[in-house]
Amino acid sequence: MKKHSSKADVALIQPVSNNKSNDQHLIYPPADKTSHFVKMARIKDKEKRSAAIQKAARMYNVFETSLEVRSALPSLYDFSLWLTEHKEELSYSVIKRNIKRTTLLTEAQEIFIWENLIYQMIEKKSSTVKETLTGLLIANDFLKGVIDFNQENDGYFEDIVFTEEQYQRFTTIAHARVVITKELFQEEMSTSVATIKDQKQQQLLEQCILIQNKIELYKQVITELKKINTVYDSDCDAEFNKALEQQTETVTIVTDDLLNERGPIIDVCTEEEVNKQMRIPAFLVEVKKPLQLQSILHKVRKASKEVIENDLIPICNTILEALILLRQSILYYQKCIDVFSSKCI
């Protein structure tokens, strides 16, 4: 079996209708979509080209760091990292366990990733960001293959074993190359750029994508915080019940001892009978306090930790406060999407 590079690869190549070999999987930009950055790269005047690309980069919210990519698409990002590290160790059961809640990119998200990748290539920006974006596209294509495979095969995933051909197929996808044909950069084009209206609509569309990604991330944080708070409530209830049980046992012992005493109790000084008194220790149990956000940072995923540190802790102290804020933020962002979407029509 052919060995491949362990790193995701992206390249400019010649038109490749007849270049795709049996042991190489190539991933292309959507055929019916032309990148705004490619259009600008064709501008002949160097200064105008640079100015147009920089203006578009500001409007289209390009990714500047891998952290921004991870925050936007945490599930696919995590899966792409796993896939990069386990290209030679693929089995159906292991793949299924690591896909978890990973979902395919929508068409708009996929185009957005391509736009960012092409920008990184044209401007020769961060190689780390370029590799991260490439990994997302490969992971997305791999996920498409898994979905197709699931439709062809039924059964409990622990019992499904790849044939040699199936293993080779998924290994080839995992080692795919992300490519852009040179012809995209060679077509003649005037120095005019996209109209202001087109740019604004594109900006609104990409804002919707980023906001939707933030909503999905907030929902994941809510799920994590609710689980942590449920465990905390359960532990507090268990401690209270244990303390109550011990107190009940103490009261029973003291009561039995008092009732079992024979004869009256006489004060040796006054020779008078003393009333029997029951001395029961105080019931001391710590009152349950709201769980503090700072105390649970080590219990959440890295992406959730960043949300908590950057978006929640400056405003909230407790999990309950954070859950309220997150739900309110999601409602607000959903309204923003509705407004932006209406302006794109």
C-alpha atoms as a PDB file:
ATOM      1  CA  MET A   1       0.000   0.000   0.000  1.00  0.00           C
ATOM      2  CA  LYS A   2       1.302   3.407  -0.970  1.00  0.00           C
ATOM      3  CA  LYS A   3       2.387   5.675   1.883  1.00  0.00           C
ATOM      4  CA  HIS A   4       1.458   9.334   1.805  1.00  0.00           C
ATOM      5  CA  SER A   5       2.490  12.524   3.526  1.00  0.00           C
ATOM      6  CA  SER A   6       0.978  12.938   6.960  1.00  0.00           C
ATOM      7  CA  LYS A   7       0.203  16.615   6.356  1.00  0.00           C
ATOM      8  CA  ALA A   8      -2.798  17.987   4.496  1.00  0.00           C
ATOM      9  CA  ASP A   9      -1.789  19.355   1.109  1.00  0.00           C
ATOM     10  CA  VAL A  10      -3.175  22.042  -1.164  1.00  0.00           C
ATOM     11  CA  ALA A  11      -1.765  23.004  -4.515  1.00  0.00           C
ATOM     12  CA  LEU A  12      -2.259  24.793  -7.794  1.00  0.00           C
ATOM     13  CA  ILE A  13      -2.215  22.312 -10.649  1.00  0.00           C
ATOM     14  CA  GLN A  14      -2.921  22.157 -14.366  1.00  0.00           C
ATOM     15  CA  PRO A  15      -6.448  21.171 -15.471  1.00  0.00           C
ATOM     16  CA  VAL A  16      -6.673  17.637 -14.093  1.00  0.00           C
ATOM     17  CA  SER A  17      -9.500  15.898 -15.920  1.00  0.00           C
ATOM     18  CA  ASN A  18      -7.032  13.162 -16.874  1.00  0.00           C
ATOM     19  CA  ASN A  19      -4.576  13.538 -13.974  1.00  0.00           C
ATOM     20  CA  LYS A  20      -6.556  11.770 -11.273  1.00  0.00           C
ATOM     21  CA  SER A  21      -4.817   8.481 -10.634  1.00  0.00           C
ATOM     22  CA  ASN A  22      -6.335   5.497  -8.865  1.00  0.00           C
ATOM     23  CA  ASP A  23      -4.296   6.043  -5.717  1.00  0.00           C
ATOM     24  CA  GLN A  24      -4.898   9.773  -5.355  1.00  0.00           C
ATOM     25  CA  HIS A  25      -8.047  11.562  -4.277  1.00  0.00           C
ATOM     26  CA  LEU A  26      -8.353  15.184  -5.378  1.00  0.00           C
ATOM     27  CA  ILE A  27     -10.772  17.721  -3.901  1.00  0.00           C
ATOM     28  CA  TYR A  28     -11.814  20.703  -6.023  1.00  0.00           C
ATOM     29  CA  PRO A  29     -13.689  23.943  -5.365  1.00  0.00           C
ATOM     30  CA  PRO A  30     -17.410  23.865  -6.285  1.00  0.00           C
ATOM     31  CA  ALA A  31     -17.506  23.804 -10.084  1.00  0.00           C
ATOM     32  CA  ASP A  32     -20.287  26.368 -10.456  1.00  0.00           C
ATOM     33  CA  LYS A  33     -18.824  28.915  -8.038  1.00  0.00           C
ATOM     34  CA  THR A  34     -16.101  31.434  -8.777  1.00  0.00           C
ATOM     35  CA  SER A  35     -14.104  32.843  -5.892  1.00  0.00           C
ATOM     36  CA  HIS A  36     -14.178  36.591  -5.327  1.00  0.00           C
ATOM     37  CA  PHE A  37     -10.486  36.388  -4.484  1.00  0.00           C
ATOM     38  CA  VAL A  38      -9.728  34.598  -7.757  1.00  0.00           C
ATOM     39  CA  LYS A  39     -11.516  37.356  -9.644  1.00  0.00           C
ATOM     40  CA  MET A  40      -9.386  39.932  -7.889  1.00  0.00           C
ATOM     41  CA  ALA A  41      -6.204  37.928  -8.459  1.00  0.00           C
ATOM     42  CA  ARG A  42      -6.798  38.355 -12.214  1.00  0.00           C
ATOM     43  CA  ILE A  43      -6.631  42.143 -11.996  1.00  0.00           C
ATOM     44  CA  LYS A  44      -3.542  43.087 -13.988  1.00  0.00           C
ATOM     45  CA  ASP A  45      -2.658  46.295 -12.182  1.00  0.00           C
ATOM     46  CA  LYS A  46      -0.615  45.215  -9.150  1.00  0.00           C
ATOM     47  CA  GLU A  47      -1.647  48.089  -6.860  1.00  0.00           C
ATOM     48  CA  LYS A  48      -5.342  47.815  -7.739  1.00  0.00           C
ATOM     49  CA  ARG A  49      -5.182  44.052  -7.278  1.00  0.00           C
ATOM     50  CA  SER A  50      -3.604  44.362  -3.832  1.00  0.00           C
ATOM     51  CA  ALA A  51      -6.063  47.047  -2.740  1.00  0.00           C
ATOM     52  CA  ALA A  52      -9.049  45.014  -3.942  1.00  0.00           C
ATOM     53  CA  ILE A  53      -7.907  41.864  -2.149  1.00  0.00           C
ATOM     54  CA  GLN A  54      -7.246  43.708   1.100  1.00  0.00           C
ATOM     55  CA  LYS A  55     -10.654  45.383   0.949  1.00  0.00           C
ATOM     56  CA  ALA A  56     -12.352  42.048   0.271  1.00  0.00           C
ATOM     57  CA  ALA A  57     -10.452  40.418   3.141  1.00  0.00           C
ATOM     58  CA  ARG A  58     -11.834  43.010   5.537  1.00  0.00           C
ATOM     59  CA  MET A  59     -15.380  42.613   4.244  1.00  0.00           C
ATOM     60  CA  TYR A  60     -15.411  38.816   4.044  1.00  0.00           C
ATOM     61  CA  ASN A  61     -14.114  38.188   7.577  1.00  0.00           C
ATOM     62  CA  VAL A  62     -11.237  35.939   6.567  1.00  0.00           C
ATOM     63  CA  PHE A  63      -9.695  33.665   9.176  1.00  0.00           C
ATOM     64  CA  GLU A  64      -6.442  35.017  10.537  1.00  0.00           C
ATOM     65  CA  THR A  65      -5.604  32.195  12.974  1.00  0.00           C
ATOM     66  CA  SER A  66      -6.388  28.514  13.469  1.00  0.00           C
ATOM     67  CA  LEU A  67      -8.101  29.474  16.724  1.00  0.00           C
ATOM     68  CA  GLU A  68     -10.704  31.407  14.734  1.00  0.00           C
ATOM     69  CA  VAL A  69     -11.270  28.372  12.503  1.00  0.00           C
ATOM     70  CA  ARG A  70     -11.684  26.090  15.509  1.00  0.00           C
ATOM     71  CA  SER A  71     -14.144  28.467  17.170  1.00  0.00           C
ATOM     72  CA  ALA A  72     -16.248  28.615  14.002  1.00  0.00           C
ATOM     73  CA  LEU A  73     -16.382  24.861  13.318  1.00  0.00           C
ATOM     74  CA  PRO A  74     -15.319  23.024  16.496  1.00  0.00           C
ATOM     75  CA  SER A  75     -16.744  19.554  15.706  1.00  0.00           C
ATOM     76  CA  LEU A  76     -15.356  19.313  12.179  1.00  0.00           C
ATOM     77  CA  TYR A  77     -12.085  20.861  13.365  1.00  0.00           C
ATOM     78  CA  ASP A  78     -11.670  18.199  16.070  1.00  0.00           C
ATOM     79  CA  PHE A  79     -12.508  15.416  13.633  1.00  0.00           C
ATOM     80  CA  SER A  80     -10.049  16.778  11.056  1.00  0.00           C
ATOM     81  CA  LEU A  81      -7.276  16.697  13.686  1.00  0.00           C
ATOM     82  CA  TRP A  82      -8.125  13.109  14.572  1.00  0.00           C
ATOM     83  CA  LEU A  83      -8.204  12.109  10.898  1.00  0.00           C
ATOM     84  CA  THR A  84      -4.822  13.727  10.242  1.00  0.00           C
ATOM     85  CA  GLU A  85      -3.250  11.697  13.057  1.00  0.00           C
ATOM     86  CA  HIS A  86      -4.929   8.345  12.260  1.00  0.00           C
ATOM     87  CA  LYS A  87      -4.796   8.056   8.470  1.00  0.00           C
ATOM     88  CA  GLU A  88      -3.189   4.619   8.675  1.00  0.00           C
ATOM     89  CA  GLU A  89      -5.404   3.274  11.482  1.00  0.00           C
ATOM     90  CA  LEU A  90      -8.871   3.443   9.963  1.00  0.00           C
ATOM     91  CA  SER A  91     -11.636   1.009  10.826  1.00  0.00           C
ATOM     92  CA  TYR A  92     -15.376   1.586  10.601  1.00  0.00           C
ATOM     93  CA  SER A  93     -15.989   1.293  14.340  1.00  0.00           C
ATOM     94  CA  VAL A  94     -13.156   3.706  15.202  1.00  0.00           C
ATOM     95  CA  ILE A  95     -14.335   6.193  12.584  1.00  0.00           C
ATOM     96  CA  LYS A  96     -17.912   6.097  13.919  1.00  0.00           C
ATOM     97  CA  ARG A  97     -16.749   6.658  17.497  1.00  0.00           C
ATOM     98  CA  ASN A  98     -14.733   9.723  16.492  1.00  0.00           C
ATOM     99  CA  ILE A  99     -17.238  11.309  14.141  1.00  0.00           C
ATOM    100  CA  LYS A 100     -19.720  11.734  17.018  1.00  0.00           C
ATOM    101  CA  ARG A 101     -21.855  14.804  16.268  1.00  0.00           C
ATOM    102  CA  THR A 102     -19.752  15.994  13.318  1.00  0.00           C
ATOM    103  CA  THR A 103     -21.928  17.230  10.459  1.00  0.00           C
ATOM    104  CA  LEU A 104     -21.237  18.077   6.840  1.00  0.00           C
ATOM    105  CA  LEU A 105     -20.501  21.641   5.868  1.00  0.00           C
ATOM    106  CA  THR A 106     -23.450  23.382   4.287  1.00  0.00           C
ATOM    107  CA  GLU A 107     -22.911  24.639   0.748  1.00  0.00           C
ATOM    108  CA  ALA A 108     -22.455  28.184   2.056  1.00  0.00           C
ATOM    109  CA  GLN A 109     -19.969  27.035   4.717  1.00  0.00           C
ATOM    110  CA  GLU A 110     -17.986  25.014   2.178  1.00  0.00           C
ATOM    111  CA  ILE A 111     -17.741  27.994  -0.179  1.00  0.00           C
ATOM    112  CA  PHE A 112     -16.705  30.153   2.768  1.00  0.00           C
ATOM    113  CA  ILE A 113     -13.870  27.730   3.599  1.00  0.00           C
ATOM    114  CA  TRP A 114     -12.747  27.703  -0.051  1.00  0.00           C
ATOM    115  CA  GLU A 115     -12.794  31.510  -0.146  1.00  0.00           C
ATOM    116  CA  ASN A 116     -10.567  31.635   2.912  1.00  0.00           C
ATOM    117  CA  LEU A 117      -8.218  29.003   1.518  1.00  0.00           C
ATOM    118  CA  ILE A 118      -7.870  30.779  -1.830  1.00  0.00           C
ATOM    119  CA  TYR A 119      -7.190  34.027   0.012  1.00  0.00           C
ATOM    120  CA  GLN A 120      -4.430  32.324   2.009  1.00  0.00           C
ATOM    121  CA  MET A 121      -2.895  31.006  -1.244  1.00  0.00           C
ATOM    122  CA  ILE A 122      -3.072  34.313  -3.094  1.00  0.00           C
ATOM    123  CA  GLU A 123      -1.721  36.396  -0.241  1.00  0.00           C
ATOM    124  CA  LYS A 124       0.672  33.721   1.079  1.00  0.00           C
ATOM    125  CA  LYS A 125      -0.545  34.370   4.612  1.00  0.00           C
ATOM    126  CA  SER A 126      -0.446  31.768   7.395  1.00  0.00           C
ATOM    127  CA  SER A 127       0.633  28.269   6.362  1.00  0.00           C
ATOM    128  CA  THR A 128      -0.932  26.985   9.589  1.00  0.00           C
ATOM    129  CA  VAL A 129      -4.334  28.449   8.706  1.00  0.00           C
ATOM    130  CA  LYS A 130      -4.007  27.112   5.158  1.00  0.00           C
ATOM    131  CA  GLU A 131      -3.286  23.628   6.485  1.00  0.00           C
ATOM    132  CA  THR A 132      -6.184  23.866   8.949  1.00  0.00           C
ATOM    133  CA  LEU A 133      -8.629  24.859   6.196  1.00  0.00           C
ATOM    134  CA  THR A 134      -7.311  22.093   3.975  1.00  0.00           C
ATOM    135  CA  GLY A 135      -7.842  19.605   6.795  1.00  0.00           C
ATOM    136  CA  LEU A 136     -11.471  20.750   7.141  1.00  0.00           C
ATOM    137  CA  LEU A 137     -12.160  20.194   3.436  1.00  0.00           C
ATOM    138  CA  ILE A 138     -10.589  16.721   3.552  1.00  0.00           C
ATOM    139  CA  ALA A 139     -12.520  15.834   6.715  1.00  0.00           C
ATOM    140  CA  ASN A 140     -15.725  17.058   5.084  1.00  0.00           C
ATOM    141  CA  ASP A 141     -15.086  14.935   1.971  1.00  0.00           C
ATOM    142  CA  PHE A 142     -14.247  11.970   4.204  1.00  0.00           C
ATOM    143  CA  LEU A 143     -17.530  12.455   6.049  1.00  0.00           C
ATOM    144  CA  LYS A 144     -19.393  12.411   2.729  1.00  0.00           C
ATOM    145  CA  GLY A 145     -17.777   9.045   2.031  1.00  0.00           C
ATOM    146  CA  VAL A 146     -18.869   7.710   5.434  1.00  0.00           C
ATOM    147  CA  ILE A 147     -22.456   8.853   4.823  1.00  0.00           C
ATOM    148  CA  ASP A 148     -22.487   7.127   1.421  1.00  0.00           C
ATOM    149  CA  PHE A 149     -21.056   3.983   3.023  1.00  0.00           C
ATOM    150  CA  ASN A 150     -23.749   4.022   5.742  1.00  0.00           C
ATOM    151  CA  GLN A 151     -26.460   4.169   3.096  1.00  0.00           C
ATOM    152  CA  GLU A 152     -24.984   1.094   1.417  1.00  0.00           C
ATOM    153  CA  ASN A 153     -24.465  -0.932   4.613  1.00  0.00           C
ATOM    154  CA  ASP A 154     -26.763  -1.761   7.498  1.00  0.00           C
ATOM    155  CA  GLY A 155     -25.887  -3.220  10.881  1.00  0.00           C
ATOM    156  CA  TYR A 156     -24.394  -2.395  14.253  1.00  0.00           C
ATOM    157  CA  PHE A 157     -21.216  -0.457  13.548  1.00  0.00           C
ATOM    158  CA  GLU A 158     -19.091  -2.572  15.913  1.00  0.00           C
ATOM    159  CA  ASP A 159     -19.800  -5.561  13.657  1.00  0.00           C
ATOM    160  CA  ILE A 160     -18.947  -3.861  10.350  1.00  0.00           C
ATOM    161  CA  VAL A 161     -15.447  -4.570   9.068  1.00  0.00           C
ATOM    162  CA  PHE A 162     -13.957  -2.872   6.002  1.00  0.00           C
ATOM    163  CA  THR A 163     -12.979  -5.015   3.060  1.00  0.00           C
ATOM    164  CA  GLU A 164      -9.515  -4.317   1.667  1.00  0.00           C
ATOM    165  CA  GLU A 165     -11.121  -2.273  -1.117  1.00  0.00           C
ATOM    166  CA  GLN A 166     -13.181  -0.210   1.358  1.00  0.00           C
ATOM    167  CA  TYR A 167     -10.180   0.358   3.606  1.00  0.00           C
ATOM    168  CA  GLN A 168      -8.147   1.516   0.608  1.00  0.00           C
ATOM    169  CA  ARG A 169     -10.973   3.831  -0.446  1.00  0.00           C
ATOM    170  CA  PHE A 170     -11.165   5.627   2.913  1.00  0.00           C
ATOM    171  CA  THR A 171      -7.387   5.705   3.324  1.00  0.00           C
ATOM    172  CA  THR A 172      -7.128   7.371  -0.087  1.00  0.00           C
ATOM    173  CA  ILE A 173      -9.687  10.017   0.891  1.00  0.00           C
ATOM    174  CA  ALA A 174      -7.850  10.631   4.176  1.00  0.00           C
ATOM    175  CA  HIS A 175      -4.679  11.339   2.149  1.00  0.00           C
ATOM    176  CA  ALA A 176      -6.502  13.535  -0.378  1.00  0.00           C
ATOM    177  CA  ARG A 177      -5.011  16.623  -1.975  1.00  0.00           C
ATOM    178  CA  VAL A 178      -6.996  19.836  -2.075  1.00  0.00           C
ATOM    179  CA  VAL A 179      -6.329  21.446  -5.450  1.00  0.00           C
ATOM    180  CA  ILE A 180      -7.233  24.514  -7.446  1.00  0.00           C
ATOM    181  CA  THR A 181      -6.658  24.402 -11.207  1.00  0.00           C
ATOM    182  CA  LYS A 182      -4.402  27.087 -12.614  1.00  0.00           C
ATOM    183  CA  GLU A 183      -6.981  27.952 -15.234  1.00  0.00           C
ATOM    184  CA  LEU A 184      -8.941  29.768 -12.523  1.00  0.00           C
ATOM    185  CA  PHE A 185      -6.140  32.312 -12.361  1.00  0.00           C
ATOM    186  CA  GLN A 186      -5.502  32.555 -16.112  1.00  0.00           C
ATOM    187  CA  GLU A 187      -8.784  33.813 -17.532  1.00  0.00           C
ATOM    188  CA  GLU A 188      -8.836  37.374 -18.852  1.00  0.00           C
ATOM    189  CA  MET A 189     -10.739  39.795 -16.728  1.00  0.00           C
ATOM    190  CA  SER A 190     -11.155  43.550 -16.529  1.00  0.00           C
ATOM    191  CA  THR A 191      -9.871  45.493 -13.572  1.00  0.00           C
ATOM    192  CA  SER A 192     -13.395  46.003 -12.234  1.00  0.00           C
ATOM    193  CA  VAL A 193     -14.306  44.146  -9.082  1.00  0.00           C
ATOM    194  CA  ALA A 194     -17.614  42.875  -7.748  1.00  0.00           C
ATOM    195  CA  THR A 195     -20.331  45.508  -7.396  1.00  0.00           C
ATOM    196  CA  ILE A 196     -20.908  47.114  -4.015  1.00  0.00           C
ATOM    197  CA  LYS A 197     -24.290  45.381  -3.836  1.00  0.00           C
ATOM    198  CA  ASP A 198     -22.711  41.971  -4.484  1.00  0.00           C
ATOM    199  CA  GLN A 199     -20.027  42.643  -1.893  1.00  0.00           C
ATOM    200  CA  LYS A 200     -22.570  43.657   0.734  1.00  0.00           C
ATOM    201  CA  GLN A 201     -24.708  40.588   0.050  1.00  0.00           C
ATOM    202  CA  GLN A 202     -21.649  38.366   0.261  1.00  0.00           C
ATOM    203  CA  GLN A 203     -20.648  40.036   3.509  1.00  0.00           C
ATOM    204  CA  LEU A 204     -24.131  39.513   4.986  1.00  0.00           C
ATOM    205  CA  LEU A 205     -24.151  35.881   3.878  1.00  0.00           C
ATOM    206  CA  GLU A 206     -20.803  35.209   5.510  1.00  0.00           C
ATOM    207  CA  GLN A 207     -21.885  37.055   8.638  1.00  0.00           C
ATOM    208  CA  CYS A 208     -24.847  34.655   8.801  1.00  0.00           C
ATOM    209  CA  ILE A 209     -22.474  31.693   8.525  1.00  0.00           C
ATOM    210  CA  LEU A 210     -20.242  32.986  11.314  1.00  0.00           C
ATOM    211  CA  ILE A 211     -23.226  33.773  13.531  1.00  0.00           C
ATOM    212  CA  GLN A 212     -24.745  30.325  12.932  1.00  0.00           C
ATOM    213  CA  ASN A 213     -21.415  28.749  13.831  1.00  0.00           C
ATOM    214  CA  LYS A 214     -21.381  30.777  17.066  1.00  0.00           C
ATOM    215  CA  ILE A 215     -24.939  29.635  17.825  1.00  0.00           C
ATOM    216  CA  GLU A 216     -23.938  25.992  17.379  1.00  0.00           C
ATOM    217  CA  LEU A 217     -20.911  26.522  19.609  1.00  0.00           C
ATOM    218  CA  TYR A 218     -23.074  28.162  22.290  1.00  0.00           C
ATOM    219  CA  LYS A 219     -25.488  25.224  22.141  1.00  0.00           C
ATOM    220  CA  GLN A 220     -22.607  22.826  22.750  1.00  0.00           C
ATOM    221  CA  VAL A 221     -21.451  24.917  25.716  1.00  0.00           C
ATOM    222  CA  ILE A 222     -24.994  24.851  27.124  1.00  0.00           C
ATOM    223  CA  THR A 223     -25.044  21.055  26.851  1.00  0.00           C
ATOM    224  CA  GLU A 224     -21.717  20.762  28.687  1.00  0.00           C
ATOM    225  CA  LEU A 225     -22.681  23.210  31.436  1.00  0.00           C
ATOM    226  CA  LYS A 226     -26.028  21.483  32.018  1.00  0.00           C
ATOM    227  CA  LYS A 227     -24.298  18.102  32.398  1.00  0.00           C
ATOM    228  CA  ILE A 228     -21.755  19.529  34.859  1.00  0.00           C
ATOM    229  CA  ASN A 229     -24.493  21.251  36.868  1.00  0.00           C
ATOM    230  CA  THR A 230     -26.590  18.071  36.944  1.00  0.00           C
ATOM    231  CA  VAL A 231     -23.660  16.099  38.335  1.00  0.00           C
ATOM    232  CA  TYR A 232     -23.016  18.860  40.897  1.00  0.00           C
ATOM    233  CA  ASP A 233     -26.679  18.853  42.020  1.00  0.00           C
ATOM    234  CA  SER A 234     -26.609  15.078  42.302  1.00  0.00           C
ATOM    235  CA  ASP A 235     -23.425  15.150  44.414  1.00  0.00           C
ATOM    236  CA  CYS A 236     -24.890  17.840  46.701  1.00  0.00           C
ATOM    237  CA  ASP A 237     -28.098  15.858  47.161  1.00  0.00           C
ATOM    238  CA  ALA A 238     -26.091  12.740  47.944  1.00  0.00           C
ATOM    239  CA  GLU A 239     -24.023  14.597  50.590  1.00  0.00           C
ATOM    240  CA  PHE A 240     -27.172  16.057  52.183  1.00  0.00           C
ATOM    241  CA  ASN A 241     -28.887  12.671  52.297  1.00  0.00           C
ATOM    242  CA  LYS A 242     -25.773  11.111  53.825  1.00  0.00           C
ATOM    243  CA  ALA A 243     -25.607  13.832  56.511  1.00  0.00           C
ATOM    244  CA  LEU A 244     -29.342  13.474  57.203  1.00  0.00           C
ATOM    245  CA  GLU A 245     -28.971   9.723  57.556  1.00  0.00           C
ATOM    246  CA  GLN A 246     -26.103  10.158  60.042  1.00  0.00           C
ATOM    247  CA  GLN A 247     -28.119  12.720  62.038  1.00  0.00           C
ATOM    248  CA  THR A 248     -31.114  10.408  62.163  1.00  0.00           C
ATOM    249  CA  GLU A 249     -28.905   7.596  63.411  1.00  0.00           C
ATOM    250  CA  THR A 250     -27.426   9.879  66.128  1.00  0.00           C
ATOM    251  CA  VAL A 251     -30.883  10.964  67.313  1.00  0.00           C
ATOM    252  CA  THR A 252     -31.989   7.337  67.489  1.00  0.00           C
ATOM    253  CA  ILE A 253     -28.971   6.341  69.593  1.00  0.00           C
ATOM    254  CA  VAL A 254     -29.401   9.267  72.021  1.00  0.00           C
ATOM    255  CA  THR A 255     -33.123   8.576  72.366  1.00  0.00           C
ATOM    256  CA  ASP A 256     -32.614   4.887  73.006  1.00  0.00           C
ATOM    257  CA  ASP A 257     -29.935   5.574  75.634  1.00  0.00           C
ATOM    258  CA  LEU A 258     -32.210   7.996  77.459  1.00  0.00           C
ATOM    259  CA  LEU A 259     -35.199   5.686  77.432  1.00  0.00           C
ATOM    260  CA  ASN A 260     -33.172   2.705  78.578  1.00  0.00           C
ATOM    261  CA  GLU A 261     -31.811   4.361  81.718  1.00  0.00           C
ATOM    262  CA  ARG A 262     -33.133   2.660  84.891  1.00  0.00           C
ATOM    263  CA  GLY A 263     -34.461   4.594  87.876  1.00  0.00           C
ATOM    264  CA  PRO A 264     -34.411   8.340  88.520  1.00  0.00           C
ATOM    265  CA  ILE A 265     -31.315  10.504  88.290  1.00  0.00           C
ATOM    266  CA  ILE A 266     -30.478  12.075  91.716  1.00  0.00           C
ATOM    267  CA  ASP A 267     -28.403  15.244  92.157  1.00  0.00           C
ATOM    268  CA  VAL A 268     -25.781  14.234  94.761  1.00  0.00           C
ATOM    269  CA  CYS A 269     -25.681  17.755  96.228  1.00  0.00           C
ATOM    270  CA  THR A 270     -29.399  18.451  96.603  1.00  0.00           C
ATOM    271  CA  GLU A 271     -30.536  14.850  96.683  1.00  0.00           C
ATOM    272  CA  GLU A 272     -33.330  15.922  94.330  1.00  0.00           C
ATOM    273  CA  GLU A 273     -34.449  14.113  91.200  1.00  0.00           C
ATOM    274  CA  VAL A 274     -33.086  15.631  88.010  1.00  0.00           C
ATOM    275  CA  ASN A 275     -35.191  15.824  84.870  1.00  0.00           C
ATOM    276  CA  LYS A 276     -33.777  13.763  82.050  1.00  0.00           C
ATOM    277  CA  GLN A 277     -32.444  15.873  79.162  1.00  0.00           C
ATOM    278  CA  MET A 278     -31.769  14.797  75.623  1.00  0.00           C
ATOM    279  CA  ARG A 279     -28.596  16.300  74.177  1.00  0.00           C
ATOM    280  CA  ILE A 280     -28.681  16.065  70.397  1.00  0.00           C
ATOM    281  CA  PRO A 281     -25.782  17.474  68.370  1.00  0.00           C
ATOM    282  CA  ALA A 282     -26.617  20.216  65.892  1.00  0.00           C
ATOM    283  CA  PHE A 283     -27.397  19.153  62.316  1.00  0.00           C
ATOM    284  CA  LEU A 284     -24.548  20.771  60.417  1.00  0.00           C
ATOM    285  CA  VAL A 285     -24.609  20.529  56.630  1.00  0.00           C
ATOM    286  CA  GLU A 286     -23.038  22.881  54.112  1.00  0.00           C
ATOM    287  CA  VAL A 287     -25.589  24.877  52.149  1.00  0.00           C
ATOM    288  CA  LYS A 288     -25.388  24.200  48.422  1.00  0.00           C
ATOM    289  CA  LYS A 289     -23.836  27.167  46.622  1.00  0.00           C
ATOM    290  CA  PRO A 290     -24.179  27.990  42.915  1.00  0.00           C
ATOM    291  CA  LEU A 291     -21.374  26.408  40.924  1.00  0.00           C
ATOM    292  CA  GLN A 292     -18.771  28.979  39.878  1.00  0.00           C
ATOM    293  CA  LEU A 293     -17.623  29.125  36.246  1.00  0.00           C
ATOM    294  CA  GLN A 294     -13.966  29.476  37.232  1.00  0.00           C
ATOM    295  CA  SER A 295     -14.124  26.149  39.073  1.00  0.00           C
ATOM    296  CA  ILE A 296     -15.256  24.082  36.059  1.00  0.00           C
ATOM    297  CA  LEU A 297     -12.866  25.258  33.329  1.00  0.00           C
ATOM    298  CA  HIS A 298     -10.866  22.023  33.580  1.00  0.00           C
ATOM    299  CA  LYS A 299     -14.011  19.969  32.930  1.00  0.00           C
ATOM    300  CA  VAL A 300     -14.959  21.376  29.523  1.00  0.00           C
ATOM    301  CA  ARG A 301     -13.600  21.051  25.992  1.00  0.00           C
ATOM    302  CA  LYS A 302     -11.018  23.565  24.809  1.00  0.00           C
ATOM    303  CA  ALA A 303     -13.485  25.371  22.515  1.00  0.00           C
ATOM    304  CA  SER A 304     -16.015  25.655  25.350  1.00  0.00           C
ATOM    305  CA  LYS A 305     -13.336  26.907  27.717  1.00  0.00           C
ATOM    306  CA  GLU A 306     -12.552  29.749  25.337  1.00  0.00           C
ATOM    307  CA  VAL A 307     -16.221  30.737  25.161  1.00  0.00           C
ATOM    308  CA  ILE A 308     -16.503  30.670  28.960  1.00  0.00           C
ATOM    309  CA  GLU A 309     -13.335  32.709  29.490  1.00  0.00           C
ATOM    310  CA  ASN A 310     -13.975  35.256  26.740  1.00  0.00           C
ATOM    311  CA  ASP A 311     -17.777  35.595  26.583  1.00  0.00           C
ATOM    312  CA  LEU A 312     -19.136  34.508  29.965  1.00  0.00           C
ATOM    313  CA  ILE A 313     -16.744  35.082  32.875  1.00  0.00           C
ATOM    314  CA  PRO A 314     -16.462  38.849  32.215  1.00  0.00           C
ATOM    315  CA  ILE A 315     -20.242  39.025  32.771  1.00  0.00           C
ATOM    316  CA  CYS A 316     -21.279  35.954  34.774  1.00  0.00           C
ATOM    317  CA  ASN A 317     -20.055  34.201  37.904  1.00  0.00           C
ATOM    318  CA  THR A 318     -22.132  31.022  38.079  1.00  0.00           C
ATOM    319  CA  ILE A 319     -23.269  28.288  35.712  1.00  0.00           C
ATOM    320  CA  LEU A 320     -26.918  29.253  36.123  1.00  0.00           C
ATOM    321  CA  GLU A 321     -26.167  32.846  35.132  1.00  0.00           C
ATOM    322  CA  ALA A 322     -24.143  31.589  32.165  1.00  0.00           C
ATOM    323  CA  LEU A 323     -26.965  29.356  30.932  1.00  0.00           C
ATOM    324  CA  ILE A 324     -29.395  32.275  30.993  1.00  0.00           C
ATOM    325  CA  LEU A 325     -26.945  34.512  29.108  1.00  0.00           C
ATOM    326  CA  LEU A 326     -26.192  31.841  26.492  1.00  0.00           C
ATOM    327  CA  ARG A 327     -29.894  31.242  25.792  1.00  0.00           C
ATOM    328  CA  GLN A 328     -30.535  34.974  25.491  1.00  0.00           C
ATOM    329  CA  SER A 329     -27.524  35.343  23.173  1.00  0.00           C
ATOM    330  CA  ILE A 330     -28.763  32.533  20.926  1.00  0.00           C
ATOM    331  CA  LEU A 331     -32.163  34.202  20.581  1.00  0.00           C
ATOM    332  CA  TYR A 332     -30.453  37.493  19.737  1.00  0.00           C
ATOM    333  CA  TYR A 333     -28.167  35.906  17.134  1.00  0.00           C
ATOM    334  CA  GLN A 334     -31.076  34.078  15.538  1.00  0.00           C
ATOM    335  CA  LYS A 335     -32.857  37.410  15.099  1.00  0.00           C
ATOM    336  CA  CYS A 336     -29.674  38.818  13.542  1.00  0.00           C
ATOM    337  CA  ILE A 337     -29.614  35.962  11.038  1.00  0.00           C
ATOM    338  CA  ASP A 338     -33.247  36.629  10.134  1.00  0.00           C
ATOM    339  CA  VAL A 339     -32.482  40.309   9.530  1.00  0.00           C
ATOM    340  CA  PHE A 340     -29.319  39.640   7.494  1.00  0.00           C
ATOM    341  CA  SER A 341     -30.999  36.897   5.468  1.00  0.00           C
ATOM    342  CA  SER A 342     -33.876  39.208   4.541  1.00  0.00           C
ATOM    343  CA  LYS A 343     -31.359  41.740   3.188  1.00  0.00           C
ATOM    344  CA  CYS A 344     -29.703  39.081   1.003  1.00  0.00           C
ATOM    345  CA  ILE A 345     -32.910  38.429  -0.920  1.00  0.00           C
END
